[in-house]
N, C-alpha and C. Protein backbone atom coordinates (compact mmCIF):
# COMPACT_ATOMS: atom_id res chain seq x y z
N MET A 1 -15.40 -4.88 -15.95
CA MET A 1 -16.29 -4.95 -17.10
C MET A 1 -15.57 -5.50 -18.32
N ASN A 2 -14.45 -4.92 -18.69
CA ASN A 2 -13.72 -5.42 -19.84
C ASN A 2 -13.25 -6.84 -19.64
N ALA A 3 -12.86 -7.18 -18.41
CA ALA A 3 -12.41 -8.54 -18.12
C ALA A 3 -13.56 -9.52 -18.33
N ALA A 4 -14.75 -9.15 -17.92
CA ALA A 4 -15.91 -10.02 -18.10
C ALA A 4 -16.21 -10.22 -19.58
N VAL A 5 -16.14 -9.16 -20.35
CA VAL A 5 -16.39 -9.26 -21.79
C VAL A 5 -15.33 -10.15 -22.42
N ARG A 6 -14.08 -9.92 -22.09
CA ARG A 6 -13.00 -10.75 -22.65
C ARG A 6 -13.18 -12.21 -22.30
N LEU A 7 -13.55 -12.49 -21.06
CA LEU A 7 -13.77 -13.87 -20.63
C LEU A 7 -14.90 -14.51 -21.43
N LEU A 8 -15.99 -13.82 -21.57
CA LEU A 8 -17.13 -14.35 -22.32
C LEU A 8 -16.77 -14.58 -23.79
N LEU A 9 -16.04 -13.67 -24.37
CA LEU A 9 -15.66 -13.81 -25.78
C LEU A 9 -14.66 -14.94 -25.99
N SER A 10 -13.85 -15.19 -24.99
CA SER A 10 -12.81 -16.22 -25.13
C SER A 10 -13.38 -17.63 -25.28
N THR A 11 -14.63 -17.82 -24.92
CA THR A 11 -15.23 -19.15 -25.03
C THR A 11 -15.61 -19.49 -26.47
N ASN A 12 -15.76 -18.45 -27.30
CA ASN A 12 -16.22 -18.62 -28.69
C ASN A 12 -17.58 -19.32 -28.78
N ARG A 13 -18.36 -19.23 -27.73
CA ARG A 13 -19.72 -19.78 -27.72
C ARG A 13 -20.70 -18.65 -27.96
N ALA A 14 -21.65 -18.86 -28.84
CA ALA A 14 -22.61 -17.81 -29.19
C ALA A 14 -23.37 -17.31 -27.98
N ASP A 15 -23.74 -18.20 -27.08
CA ASP A 15 -24.51 -17.75 -25.91
C ASP A 15 -23.67 -16.84 -25.01
N ASP A 16 -22.40 -17.16 -24.85
CA ASP A 16 -21.52 -16.30 -24.04
C ASP A 16 -21.23 -14.99 -24.76
N MET A 17 -21.04 -15.06 -26.06
CA MET A 17 -20.80 -13.85 -26.83
C MET A 17 -22.02 -12.92 -26.76
N TRP A 18 -23.20 -13.53 -26.79
CA TRP A 18 -24.44 -12.75 -26.66
C TRP A 18 -24.48 -12.03 -25.31
N LEU A 19 -24.07 -12.71 -24.25
CA LEU A 19 -24.00 -12.07 -22.93
C LEU A 19 -23.02 -10.91 -22.94
N ALA A 20 -21.91 -11.07 -23.64
CA ALA A 20 -20.92 -9.99 -23.73
C ALA A 20 -21.51 -8.76 -24.40
N THR A 21 -22.31 -8.96 -25.44
CA THR A 21 -22.93 -7.81 -26.11
C THR A 21 -23.88 -7.10 -25.16
N GLY A 22 -24.57 -7.86 -24.32
CA GLY A 22 -25.46 -7.25 -23.33
C GLY A 22 -24.70 -6.37 -22.36
N LEU A 23 -23.53 -6.85 -21.93
CA LEU A 23 -22.71 -6.03 -21.03
C LEU A 23 -22.25 -4.76 -21.73
N LEU A 24 -21.82 -4.88 -22.97
CA LEU A 24 -21.37 -3.70 -23.71
C LEU A 24 -22.50 -2.71 -23.93
N GLU A 25 -23.65 -3.22 -24.35
CA GLU A 25 -24.78 -2.31 -24.57
C GLU A 25 -25.23 -1.65 -23.26
N GLY A 26 -25.14 -2.39 -22.16
CA GLY A 26 -25.49 -1.82 -20.87
C GLY A 26 -24.63 -0.63 -20.49
N LYS A 27 -23.44 -0.60 -21.04
CA LYS A 27 -22.51 0.53 -20.81
C LYS A 27 -22.51 1.51 -21.98
N LYS A 28 -23.52 1.37 -22.87
CA LYS A 28 -23.67 2.24 -24.04
C LYS A 28 -22.49 2.15 -25.00
N ARG A 29 -21.84 1.00 -25.03
CA ARG A 29 -20.71 0.76 -25.93
C ARG A 29 -21.23 0.01 -27.17
N TYR A 30 -22.15 0.66 -27.86
CA TYR A 30 -22.85 0.03 -28.97
C TYR A 30 -21.90 -0.33 -30.12
N ALA A 31 -20.99 0.58 -30.44
CA ALA A 31 -20.06 0.32 -31.55
C ALA A 31 -19.17 -0.88 -31.24
N ASP A 32 -18.86 -1.11 -29.97
CA ASP A 32 -18.06 -2.27 -29.59
C ASP A 32 -18.84 -3.57 -29.69
N ALA A 33 -20.14 -3.48 -29.55
CA ALA A 33 -20.98 -4.68 -29.61
C ALA A 33 -21.22 -5.15 -31.05
N ILE A 34 -21.21 -4.23 -32.00
CA ILE A 34 -21.54 -4.58 -33.38
C ILE A 34 -20.67 -5.67 -33.96
N PRO A 35 -19.33 -5.60 -33.86
CA PRO A 35 -18.52 -6.68 -34.44
C PRO A 35 -18.81 -8.05 -33.82
N ILE A 36 -19.17 -8.05 -32.56
CA ILE A 36 -19.50 -9.31 -31.90
C ILE A 36 -20.82 -9.85 -32.45
N TYR A 37 -21.79 -8.97 -32.58
CA TYR A 37 -23.06 -9.39 -33.19
C TYR A 37 -22.83 -9.95 -34.59
N LEU A 38 -21.98 -9.29 -35.37
CA LEU A 38 -21.71 -9.77 -36.73
C LEU A 38 -21.03 -11.14 -36.71
N GLU A 39 -20.14 -11.34 -35.77
CA GLU A 39 -19.49 -12.65 -35.66
C GLU A 39 -20.51 -13.73 -35.32
N ILE A 40 -21.39 -13.44 -34.39
CA ILE A 40 -22.45 -14.39 -34.05
C ILE A 40 -23.34 -14.64 -35.28
N ALA A 41 -23.66 -13.56 -36.00
CA ALA A 41 -24.54 -13.66 -37.17
C ALA A 41 -23.95 -14.56 -38.25
N ARG A 42 -22.64 -14.59 -38.34
CA ARG A 42 -21.99 -15.41 -39.37
C ARG A 42 -21.86 -16.88 -38.96
N GLY A 43 -22.20 -17.17 -37.72
CA GLY A 43 -22.14 -18.54 -37.22
C GLY A 43 -23.44 -19.27 -37.46
N GLY A 44 -23.52 -20.47 -36.95
CA GLY A 44 -24.69 -21.29 -37.18
C GLY A 44 -25.58 -21.46 -35.96
N SER A 45 -25.43 -20.63 -34.97
CA SER A 45 -26.20 -20.80 -33.74
C SER A 45 -27.62 -20.26 -33.89
N SER A 46 -28.43 -20.55 -32.91
CA SER A 46 -29.80 -20.05 -32.90
C SER A 46 -29.84 -18.53 -32.65
N TYR A 47 -28.72 -17.95 -32.29
CA TYR A 47 -28.64 -16.51 -32.06
C TYR A 47 -28.32 -15.74 -33.35
N ALA A 48 -27.98 -16.43 -34.42
CA ALA A 48 -27.44 -15.79 -35.62
C ALA A 48 -28.39 -14.75 -36.22
N ASP A 49 -29.65 -15.10 -36.42
CA ASP A 49 -30.56 -14.14 -37.06
C ASP A 49 -30.83 -12.94 -36.16
N ASP A 50 -30.99 -13.18 -34.88
CA ASP A 50 -31.20 -12.10 -33.92
C ASP A 50 -29.98 -11.18 -33.88
N ALA A 51 -28.79 -11.77 -33.89
CA ALA A 51 -27.55 -10.98 -33.85
C ALA A 51 -27.41 -10.12 -35.10
N ALA A 52 -27.75 -10.67 -36.25
CA ALA A 52 -27.67 -9.90 -37.50
C ALA A 52 -28.61 -8.70 -37.44
N PHE A 53 -29.83 -8.94 -36.96
CA PHE A 53 -30.79 -7.85 -36.86
C PHE A 53 -30.33 -6.80 -35.85
N ARG A 54 -29.81 -7.24 -34.73
CA ARG A 54 -29.34 -6.29 -33.71
C ARG A 54 -28.18 -5.45 -34.24
N ALA A 55 -27.26 -6.08 -34.96
CA ALA A 55 -26.15 -5.34 -35.56
C ALA A 55 -26.69 -4.31 -36.55
N TYR A 56 -27.70 -4.70 -37.32
CA TYR A 56 -28.33 -3.78 -38.27
C TYR A 56 -28.93 -2.58 -37.54
N VAL A 57 -29.69 -2.83 -36.50
CA VAL A 57 -30.34 -1.75 -35.75
C VAL A 57 -29.30 -0.79 -35.17
N LEU A 58 -28.29 -1.34 -34.51
CA LEU A 58 -27.27 -0.47 -33.90
C LEU A 58 -26.49 0.31 -34.95
N ALA A 59 -26.07 -0.36 -36.01
CA ALA A 59 -25.30 0.32 -37.05
C ALA A 59 -26.13 1.43 -37.70
N THR A 60 -27.41 1.17 -37.91
CA THR A 60 -28.29 2.19 -38.47
C THR A 60 -28.37 3.39 -37.54
N ARG A 61 -28.58 3.14 -36.26
CA ARG A 61 -28.66 4.23 -35.28
C ARG A 61 -27.38 5.05 -35.22
N LEU A 62 -26.25 4.38 -35.41
CA LEU A 62 -24.96 5.06 -35.33
C LEU A 62 -24.51 5.65 -36.66
N GLY A 63 -25.32 5.50 -37.70
CA GLY A 63 -24.97 6.06 -39.00
C GLY A 63 -23.89 5.28 -39.73
N MET A 64 -23.72 4.03 -39.38
CA MET A 64 -22.70 3.17 -40.01
C MET A 64 -23.37 2.42 -41.16
N THR A 65 -23.56 3.11 -42.28
CA THR A 65 -24.40 2.57 -43.35
C THR A 65 -23.83 1.30 -43.99
N ALA A 66 -22.54 1.24 -44.19
CA ALA A 66 -21.95 0.05 -44.82
C ALA A 66 -22.10 -1.16 -43.90
N ILE A 67 -21.89 -0.96 -42.63
CA ILE A 67 -22.03 -2.06 -41.67
C ILE A 67 -23.49 -2.47 -41.55
N ALA A 68 -24.39 -1.49 -41.56
CA ALA A 68 -25.82 -1.80 -41.51
C ALA A 68 -26.22 -2.64 -42.72
N ALA A 69 -25.69 -2.30 -43.88
CA ALA A 69 -26.01 -3.07 -45.09
C ALA A 69 -25.49 -4.50 -44.98
N THR A 70 -24.29 -4.66 -44.45
CA THR A 70 -23.73 -6.01 -44.24
C THR A 70 -24.61 -6.80 -43.29
N ALA A 71 -24.98 -6.18 -42.18
CA ALA A 71 -25.81 -6.86 -41.19
C ALA A 71 -27.16 -7.24 -41.78
N ARG A 72 -27.74 -6.35 -42.55
CA ARG A 72 -29.04 -6.62 -43.18
C ARG A 72 -28.95 -7.83 -44.09
N ARG A 73 -27.87 -7.95 -44.84
CA ARG A 73 -27.68 -9.11 -45.73
C ARG A 73 -27.53 -10.41 -44.94
N LEU A 74 -27.06 -10.33 -43.71
CA LEU A 74 -26.88 -11.52 -42.89
C LEU A 74 -28.18 -12.03 -42.26
N VAL A 75 -29.24 -11.23 -42.30
CA VAL A 75 -30.53 -11.68 -41.78
C VAL A 75 -31.11 -12.69 -42.77
N PRO A 76 -31.32 -13.93 -42.35
CA PRO A 76 -31.85 -14.94 -43.27
C PRO A 76 -33.26 -14.59 -43.76
N ASN A 77 -33.54 -14.93 -45.00
CA ASN A 77 -34.85 -14.61 -45.58
C ASN A 77 -36.00 -15.34 -44.91
N ASP A 78 -35.73 -16.46 -44.25
CA ASP A 78 -36.80 -17.22 -43.61
C ASP A 78 -36.91 -16.94 -42.12
N SER A 79 -36.38 -15.81 -41.70
CA SER A 79 -36.35 -15.45 -40.29
C SER A 79 -37.46 -14.46 -39.93
N PHE A 80 -37.88 -14.52 -38.69
CA PHE A 80 -38.80 -13.52 -38.14
C PHE A 80 -38.24 -12.12 -38.36
N PHE A 81 -36.93 -11.98 -38.23
CA PHE A 81 -36.31 -10.66 -38.36
C PHE A 81 -36.35 -10.16 -39.80
N ALA A 82 -36.45 -11.05 -40.77
CA ALA A 82 -36.64 -10.63 -42.15
C ALA A 82 -37.99 -9.93 -42.30
N LEU A 83 -39.00 -10.43 -41.58
CA LEU A 83 -40.30 -9.77 -41.60
C LEU A 83 -40.20 -8.37 -41.01
N LYS A 84 -39.41 -8.22 -39.96
CA LYS A 84 -39.23 -6.90 -39.36
C LYS A 84 -38.54 -5.93 -40.32
N LEU A 85 -37.78 -6.51 -41.26
CA LEU A 85 -37.12 -5.69 -42.29
C LEU A 85 -38.03 -5.50 -43.51
N ARG A 86 -39.27 -5.93 -43.36
CA ARG A 86 -40.32 -5.79 -44.38
C ARG A 86 -40.07 -6.65 -45.62
N ARG A 87 -39.39 -7.75 -45.43
CA ARG A 87 -39.26 -8.71 -46.52
C ARG A 87 -40.50 -9.58 -46.50
N THR A 88 -40.82 -10.15 -47.64
CA THR A 88 -41.94 -11.09 -47.67
C THR A 88 -41.38 -12.51 -47.66
N LEU A 89 -42.09 -13.37 -47.00
CA LEU A 89 -41.69 -14.76 -46.89
C LEU A 89 -42.62 -15.62 -47.73
N ASP A 90 -42.08 -16.67 -48.30
CA ASP A 90 -42.90 -17.63 -49.00
C ASP A 90 -43.60 -18.51 -47.97
N ALA A 91 -44.91 -18.62 -48.10
CA ALA A 91 -45.67 -19.48 -47.19
C ALA A 91 -45.45 -20.93 -47.57
N PRO A 92 -45.29 -21.81 -46.58
CA PRO A 92 -45.15 -23.24 -46.90
C PRO A 92 -46.42 -23.75 -47.57
N ARG A 93 -46.25 -24.70 -48.46
CA ARG A 93 -47.41 -25.26 -49.16
C ARG A 93 -47.76 -26.60 -48.60
């Protein structure tokens, strides 16, 4: 398990890193998945907004308030996940 996670993370590809978080969460290693989600969230991939929201959810559940606040700030305002955080979006004109 750890070897698979290390291998996936070594690629530095968001899609592989996302798979690694799935393996960690499958083993209930939520705290280990959060830093990976945050790394993905700080990147420019299509996984970034989803990763930020997932980090927020996990950190909130684990009582990691400072990390949850960081993750929440990483959710882009124009994202579907911003709506889930009850932000309002400007409608295109």
